[in-house]
């Protein structure tokens, strides 16, 4: 957070109290999710569909 403050961003301490120290690298503290669009598009078949997941055993 110090880096953001040095860059001139207003980061209130009240906000920091609600942020977990654990985070994923694809989600930043401002709620922006980055997605590798090219990798996701490469998963599509020729018709533009994603493959189905394999069937699992029926839940009892």
PDB file of N, CA and C in Angstrom:
ATOM      1  N   UNK A   1       0.809  -1.188   0.000  1.00  0.00           N
ATOM      2  CA  UNK A   1       0.000   0.000   0.000  1.00  0.00           C
ATOM      3  C   UNK A   1       0.856   1.257   0.000  1.00  0.00           C
ATOM      4  N   UNK A   2       2.028   1.143   0.615  1.00  0.00           N
ATOM      5  CA  UNK A   2       2.908   2.307   0.663  1.00  0.00           C
ATOM      6  C   UNK A   2       3.276   2.770  -0.740  1.00  0.00           C
ATOM      7  N   UNK A   3       3.472   1.811  -1.643  1.00  0.00           N
ATOM      8  CA  UNK A   3       3.809   2.142  -3.032  1.00  0.00           C
ATOM      9  C   UNK A   3       2.690   2.952  -3.682  1.00  0.00           C
ATOM     10  N   UNK A   4       1.434   2.598  -3.405  1.00  0.00           N
ATOM     11  CA  UNK A   4       0.302   3.354  -3.947  1.00  0.00           C
ATOM     12  C   UNK A   4       0.266   4.763  -3.362  1.00  0.00           C
ATOM     13  N   UNK A   5       0.539   4.865  -2.083  1.00  0.00           N
ATOM     14  CA  UNK A   5       0.514   6.187  -1.452  1.00  0.00           C
ATOM     15  C   UNK A   5       1.627   7.072  -2.000  1.00  0.00           C
ATOM     16  N   UNK A   6       2.815   6.498  -2.230  1.00  0.00           N
ATOM     17  CA  UNK A   6       3.923   7.262  -2.799  1.00  0.00           C
ATOM     18  C   UNK A   6       3.559   7.743  -4.200  1.00  0.00           C
ATOM     19  N   UNK A   7       2.790   6.920  -4.926  1.00  0.00           N
ATOM     20  CA  UNK A   7       2.375   7.286  -6.283  1.00  0.00           C
ATOM     21  C   UNK A   7       1.238   8.304  -6.280  1.00  0.00           C
ATOM     22  N   UNK A   8       0.790   8.728  -5.090  1.00  0.00           N
ATOM     23  CA  UNK A   8      -0.247   9.753  -5.006  1.00  0.00           C
ATOM     24  C   UNK A   8      -1.656   9.227  -4.841  1.00  0.00           C
ATOM     25  N   UNK A   9      -1.819   7.911  -4.692  1.00  0.00           N
ATOM     26  CA  UNK A   9      -3.159   7.342  -4.506  1.00  0.00           C
ATOM     27  C   UNK A   9      -3.601   7.509  -3.058  1.00  0.00           C
ATOM     28  N   UNK A  10      -4.868   7.817  -2.870  1.00  0.00           N
ATOM     29  CA  UNK A  10      -5.438   7.924  -1.521  1.00  0.00           C
ATOM     30  C   UNK A  10      -5.882   6.533  -1.084  1.00  0.00           C
ATOM     31  N   UNK A  11      -5.199   5.967  -0.089  1.00  0.00           N
ATOM     32  CA  UNK A  11      -5.526   4.643   0.425  1.00  0.00           C
ATOM     33  C   UNK A  11      -5.843   4.797   1.913  1.00  0.00           C
ATOM     34  N   UNK A  12      -7.131   4.931   2.246  1.00  0.00           N
ATOM     35  CA  UNK A  12      -7.498   5.139   3.648  1.00  0.00           C
ATOM     36  C   UNK A  12      -7.214   3.908   4.516  1.00  0.00           C
ATOM     37  N   UNK A  13      -6.755   4.135   5.734  1.00  0.00           N
ATOM     38  CA  UNK A  13      -6.511   3.037   6.668  1.00  0.00           C
ATOM     39  C   UNK A  13      -7.788   2.254   6.951  1.00  0.00           C
ATOM     40  N   UNK A  14      -8.941   2.917   6.908  1.00  0.00           N
ATOM     41  CA  UNK A  14     -10.216   2.242   7.150  1.00  0.00           C
ATOM     42  C   UNK A  14     -10.467   1.171   6.078  1.00  0.00           C
ATOM     43  N   UNK A  15     -10.047   1.445   4.860  1.00  0.00           N
ATOM     44  CA  UNK A  15     -10.192   0.474   3.775  1.00  0.00           C
ATOM     45  C   UNK A  15      -9.253  -0.704   3.991  1.00  0.00           C
ATOM     46  N   UNK A  16      -8.044  -0.442   4.413  1.00  0.00           N
ATOM     47  CA  UNK A  16      -7.067  -1.504   4.619  1.00  0.00           C
ATOM     48  C   UNK A  16      -7.513  -2.495   5.689  1.00  0.00           C
ATOM     49  N   UNK A  17      -8.319  -2.054   6.625  1.00  0.00           N
ATOM     50  CA  UNK A  17      -8.793  -2.943   7.681  1.00  0.00           C
ATOM     51  C   UNK A  17      -9.671  -4.058   7.127  1.00  0.00           C
ATOM     52  N   UNK A  18     -10.200  -3.890   5.909  1.00  0.00           N
ATOM     53  CA  UNK A  18     -11.111  -4.871   5.312  1.00  0.00           C
ATOM     54  C   UNK A  18     -10.458  -5.690   4.207  1.00  0.00           C
ATOM     55  N   UNK A  19      -9.159  -5.536   4.007  1.00  0.00           N
ATOM     56  CA  UNK A  19      -8.462  -6.254   2.942  1.00  0.00           C
ATOM     57  C   UNK A  19      -7.621  -7.357   3.553  1.00  0.00           C
ATOM     58  N   UNK A  20      -7.798  -8.553   3.040  1.00  0.00           N
ATOM     59  CA  UNK A  20      -7.016  -9.688   3.501  1.00  0.00           C
ATOM     60  C   UNK A  20      -5.599  -9.597   2.947  1.00  0.00           C
ATOM     61  N   UNK A  21      -4.610 -10.023   3.718  1.00  0.00           N
ATOM     62  CA  UNK A  21      -3.248 -10.009   3.190  1.00  0.00           C
ATOM     63  C   UNK A  21      -3.035 -11.065   2.101  1.00  0.00           C
ATOM     64  N   UNK A  22      -3.898 -12.079   2.060  1.00  0.00           N
ATOM     65  CA  UNK A  22      -3.794 -13.115   1.033  1.00  0.00           C
ATOM     66  C   UNK A  22      -4.578 -12.665  -0.190  1.00  0.00           C
ATOM     67  N   UNK A  23      -3.958 -12.764  -1.337  1.00  0.00           N
ATOM     68  CA  UNK A  23      -4.657 -12.404  -2.567  1.00  0.00           C
ATOM     69  C   UNK A  23      -4.083 -13.196  -3.724  1.00  0.00           C
ATOM     70  N   UNK A  24      -4.824 -13.260  -4.781  1.00  0.00           N
ATOM     71  CA  UNK A  24      -4.361 -13.929  -5.990  1.00  0.00           C
ATOM     72  C   UNK A  24      -3.698 -12.896  -6.880  1.00  0.00           C
ATOM     73  N   UNK A  25      -2.738 -13.343  -7.667  1.00  0.00           N
ATOM     74  CA  UNK A  25      -2.029 -12.380  -8.507  1.00  0.00           C
ATOM     75  C   UNK A  25      -2.906 -11.829  -9.617  1.00  0.00           C
ATOM     76  N   UNK A  26      -4.024 -12.494  -9.941  1.00  0.00           N
ATOM     77  CA  UNK A  26      -4.878 -11.983 -11.008  1.00  0.00           C
ATOM     78  C   UNK A  26      -5.944 -11.014 -10.507  1.00  0.00           C
ATOM     79  N   UNK A  27      -5.995 -10.747  -9.203  1.00  0.00           N
ATOM     80  CA  UNK A  27      -6.969  -9.805  -8.650  1.00  0.00           C
ATOM     81  C   UNK A  27      -6.204  -8.749  -7.869  1.00  0.00           C
ATOM     82  N   UNK A  28      -6.392  -7.490  -8.230  1.00  0.00           N
ATOM     83  CA  UNK A  28      -5.708  -6.456  -7.468  1.00  0.00           C
ATOM     84  C   UNK A  28      -6.653  -5.880  -6.424  1.00  0.00           C
ATOM     85  N   UNK A  29      -6.165  -4.975  -5.627  1.00  0.00           N
ATOM     86  CA  UNK A  29      -6.952  -4.436  -4.520  1.00  0.00           C
ATOM     87  C   UNK A  29      -8.080  -3.523  -4.963  1.00  0.00           C
ATOM     88  N   UNK A  30      -8.154  -3.212  -6.235  1.00  0.00           N
ATOM     89  CA  UNK A  30      -9.208  -2.331  -6.726  1.00  0.00           C
ATOM     90  C   UNK A  30     -10.310  -3.111  -7.441  1.00  0.00           C
ATOM     91  N   UNK A  31     -10.271  -4.452  -7.365  1.00  0.00           N
ATOM     92  CA  UNK A  31     -11.336  -5.275  -7.895  1.00  0.00           C
ATOM     93  C   UNK A  31     -11.240  -5.565  -9.382  1.00  0.00           C
ATOM     94  N   UNK A  32     -10.102  -5.324  -9.987  1.00  0.00           N
ATOM     95  CA  UNK A  32      -9.938  -5.600 -11.407  1.00  0.00           C
ATOM     96  C   UNK A  32      -9.406  -7.015 -11.573  1.00  0.00           C
ATOM     97  N   UNK A  33     -10.070  -7.796 -12.389  1.00  0.00           N
ATOM     98  CA  UNK A  33      -9.643  -9.157 -12.642  1.00  0.00           C
ATOM     99  C   UNK A  33      -9.005  -9.205 -14.019  1.00  0.00           C
ATOM    100  N   UNK A  34      -7.785  -9.709 -14.081  1.00  0.00           N
ATOM    101  CA  UNK A  34      -7.124  -9.834 -15.369  1.00  0.00           C
ATOM    102  C   UNK A  34      -7.284 -11.264 -15.869  1.00  0.00           C
ATOM    103  N   UNK A  35      -7.586 -11.392 -17.131  1.00  0.00           N
ATOM    104  CA  UNK A  35      -7.801 -12.696 -17.744  1.00  0.00           C
ATOM    105  C   UNK A  35      -6.958 -12.769 -19.007  1.00  0.00           C
ATOM    106  N   UNK A  36      -6.299 -13.894 -19.209  1.00  0.00           N
ATOM    107  CA  UNK A  36      -5.540 -14.119 -20.431  1.00  0.00           C
ATOM    108  C   UNK A  36      -6.546 -14.523 -21.512  1.00  0.00           C
ATOM    109  N   UNK A  37      -7.051 -13.544 -22.226  1.00  0.00           N
ATOM    110  CA  UNK A  37      -8.111 -13.762 -23.208  1.00  0.00           C
ATOM    111  C   UNK A  37      -7.641 -14.705 -24.305  1.00  0.00           C
ATOM    112  N   UNK A  38      -6.419 -14.527 -24.774  1.00  0.00           N
ATOM    113  CA  UNK A  38      -5.906 -15.378 -25.842  1.00  0.00           C
ATOM    114  C   UNK A  38      -5.870 -16.841 -25.409  1.00  0.00           C
ATOM    115  N   UNK A  39      -5.456 -17.117 -24.176  1.00  0.00           N
ATOM    116  CA  UNK A  39      -5.413 -18.492 -23.672  1.00  0.00           C
ATOM    117  C   UNK A  39      -6.822 -19.069 -23.558  1.00  0.00           C
ATOM    118  N   UNK A  40      -7.764 -18.256 -23.121  1.00  0.00           N
ATOM    119  CA  UNK A  40      -9.149 -18.737 -23.011  1.00  0.00           C
ATOM    120  C   UNK A  40      -9.744 -19.007 -24.389  1.00  0.00           C
ATOM    121  N   UNK A  41      -9.471 -18.140 -25.341  1.00  0.00           N
ATOM    122  CA  UNK A  41      -9.979 -18.356 -26.698  1.00  0.00           C
ATOM    123  C   UNK A  41      -9.363 -19.590 -27.339  1.00  0.00           C
ATOM    124  N   UNK A  42      -8.112 -19.885 -26.994  1.00  0.00           N
ATOM    125  CA  UNK A  42      -7.440 -21.061 -27.551  1.00  0.00           C
ATOM    126  C   UNK A  42      -8.087 -22.363 -27.082  1.00  0.00           C
ATOM    127  N   UNK A  43      -8.836 -22.330 -25.985  1.00  0.00           N
ATOM    128  CA  UNK A  43      -9.502 -23.522 -25.464  1.00  0.00           C
ATOM    129  C   UNK A  43     -10.779 -23.852 -26.226  1.00  0.00           C
ATOM    130  N   UNK A  44     -11.274 -22.920 -27.034  1.00  0.00           N
ATOM    131  CA  UNK A  44     -12.530 -23.129 -27.746  1.00  0.00           C
ATOM    132  C   UNK A  44     -12.320 -24.043 -28.947  1.00  0.00           C
ATOM    133  N   UNK A  45     -13.373 -24.801 -29.277  1.00  0.00           N
ATOM    134  CA  UNK A  45     -13.288 -25.632 -30.474  1.00  0.00           C
ATOM    135  C   UNK A  45     -13.638 -24.788 -31.701  1.00  0.00           C
ATOM    136  N   UNK A  46     -13.701 -25.413 -32.852  1.00  0.00           N
ATOM    137  CA  UNK A  46     -13.960 -24.688 -34.094  1.00  0.00           C
ATOM    138  C   UNK A  46     -15.291 -23.956 -34.117  1.00  0.00           C
ATOM    139  N   UNK A  47     -16.264 -24.436 -33.344  1.00  0.00           N
ATOM    140  CA  UNK A  47     -17.574 -23.796 -33.298  1.00  0.00           C
ATOM    141  C   UNK A  47     -17.685 -22.713 -32.234  1.00  0.00           C
ATOM    142  N   UNK A  48     -16.593 -22.478 -31.493  1.00  0.00           N
ATOM    143  CA  UNK A  48     -16.618 -21.456 -30.454  1.00  0.00           C
ATOM    144  C   UNK A  48     -17.118 -21.955 -29.115  1.00  0.00           C
ATOM    145  N   UNK A  49     -17.148 -23.269 -28.923  1.00  0.00           N
ATOM    146  CA  UNK A  49     -17.630 -23.853 -27.674  1.00  0.00           C
ATOM    147  C   UNK A  49     -16.472 -24.376 -26.842  1.00  0.00           C
ATOM    148  N   UNK A  50     -16.624 -24.297 -25.531  1.00  0.00           N
ATOM    149  CA  UNK A  50     -15.653 -24.921 -24.635  1.00  0.00           C
ATOM    150  C   UNK A  50     -15.972 -26.407 -24.553  1.00  0.00           C
ATOM    151  N   UNK A  51     -14.953 -27.258 -24.350  1.00  0.00           N
ATOM    152  CA  UNK A  51     -15.248 -28.679 -24.209  1.00  0.00           C
ATOM    153  C   UNK A  51     -15.998 -28.942 -22.908  1.00  0.00           C
ATOM    154  N   UNK A  52     -16.826 -29.971 -22.932  1.00  0.00           N
ATOM    155  CA  UNK A  52     -17.556 -30.353 -21.719  1.00  0.00           C
ATOM    156  C   UNK A  52     -16.602 -30.974 -20.723  1.00  0.00           C
ATOM    157  N   UNK A  53     -16.909 -30.786 -19.461  1.00  0.00           N
ATOM    158  CA  UNK A  53     -16.132 -31.459 -18.426  1.00  0.00           C
ATOM    159  C   UNK A  53     -16.494 -32.928 -18.446  1.00  0.00           C
ATOM    160  N   UNK A  54     -15.565 -33.801 -18.023  1.00  0.00           N
ATOM    161  CA  UNK A  54     -15.896 -35.227 -17.981  1.00  0.00           C
ATOM    162  C   UNK A  54     -17.009 -35.496 -16.985  1.00  0.00           C
ATOM    163  N   UNK A  55     -17.846 -36.472 -17.309  1.00  0.00           N
ATOM    164  CA  UNK A  55     -18.956 -36.841 -16.410  1.00  0.00           C
ATOM    165  C   UNK A  55     -18.390 -37.464 -15.139  1.00  0.00           C
ATOM    166  N   UNK A  56     -19.043 -37.193 -14.024  1.00  0.00           N
ATOM    167  CA  UNK A  56     -18.640 -37.770 -12.747  1.00  0.00           C
ATOM    168  C   UNK A  56     -19.718 -38.735 -12.294  1.00  0.00           C
ATOM    169  N   UNK A  57     -19.417 -39.524 -11.285  1.00  0.00           N
ATOM    170  CA  UNK A  57     -20.394 -40.467 -10.745  1.00  0.00           C
ATOM    171  C   UNK A  57     -21.582 -39.698 -10.179  1.00  0.00           C
ATOM    172  N   UNK A  58     -22.737 -40.273 -10.298  1.00  0.00           N
ATOM    173  CA  UNK A  58     -23.962 -39.637  -9.804  1.00  0.00           C
ATOM    174  C   UNK A  58     -23.890 -39.442  -8.298  1.00  0.00           C
ATOM    175  N   UNK A  59     -24.378 -38.333  -7.833  1.00  0.00           N
ATOM    176  CA  UNK A  59     -24.418 -38.026  -6.405  1.00  0.00           C
ATOM    177  C   UNK A  59     -25.643 -38.704  -5.816  1.00  0.00           C
ATOM    178  N   UNK A  60     -25.449 -39.412  -4.730  1.00  0.00           N
ATOM    179  CA  UNK A  60     -26.558 -40.128  -4.097  1.00  0.00           C
ATOM    180  C   UNK A  60     -27.300 -39.238  -3.173  1.00  0.00           C
TER     181      UNK A  60
END
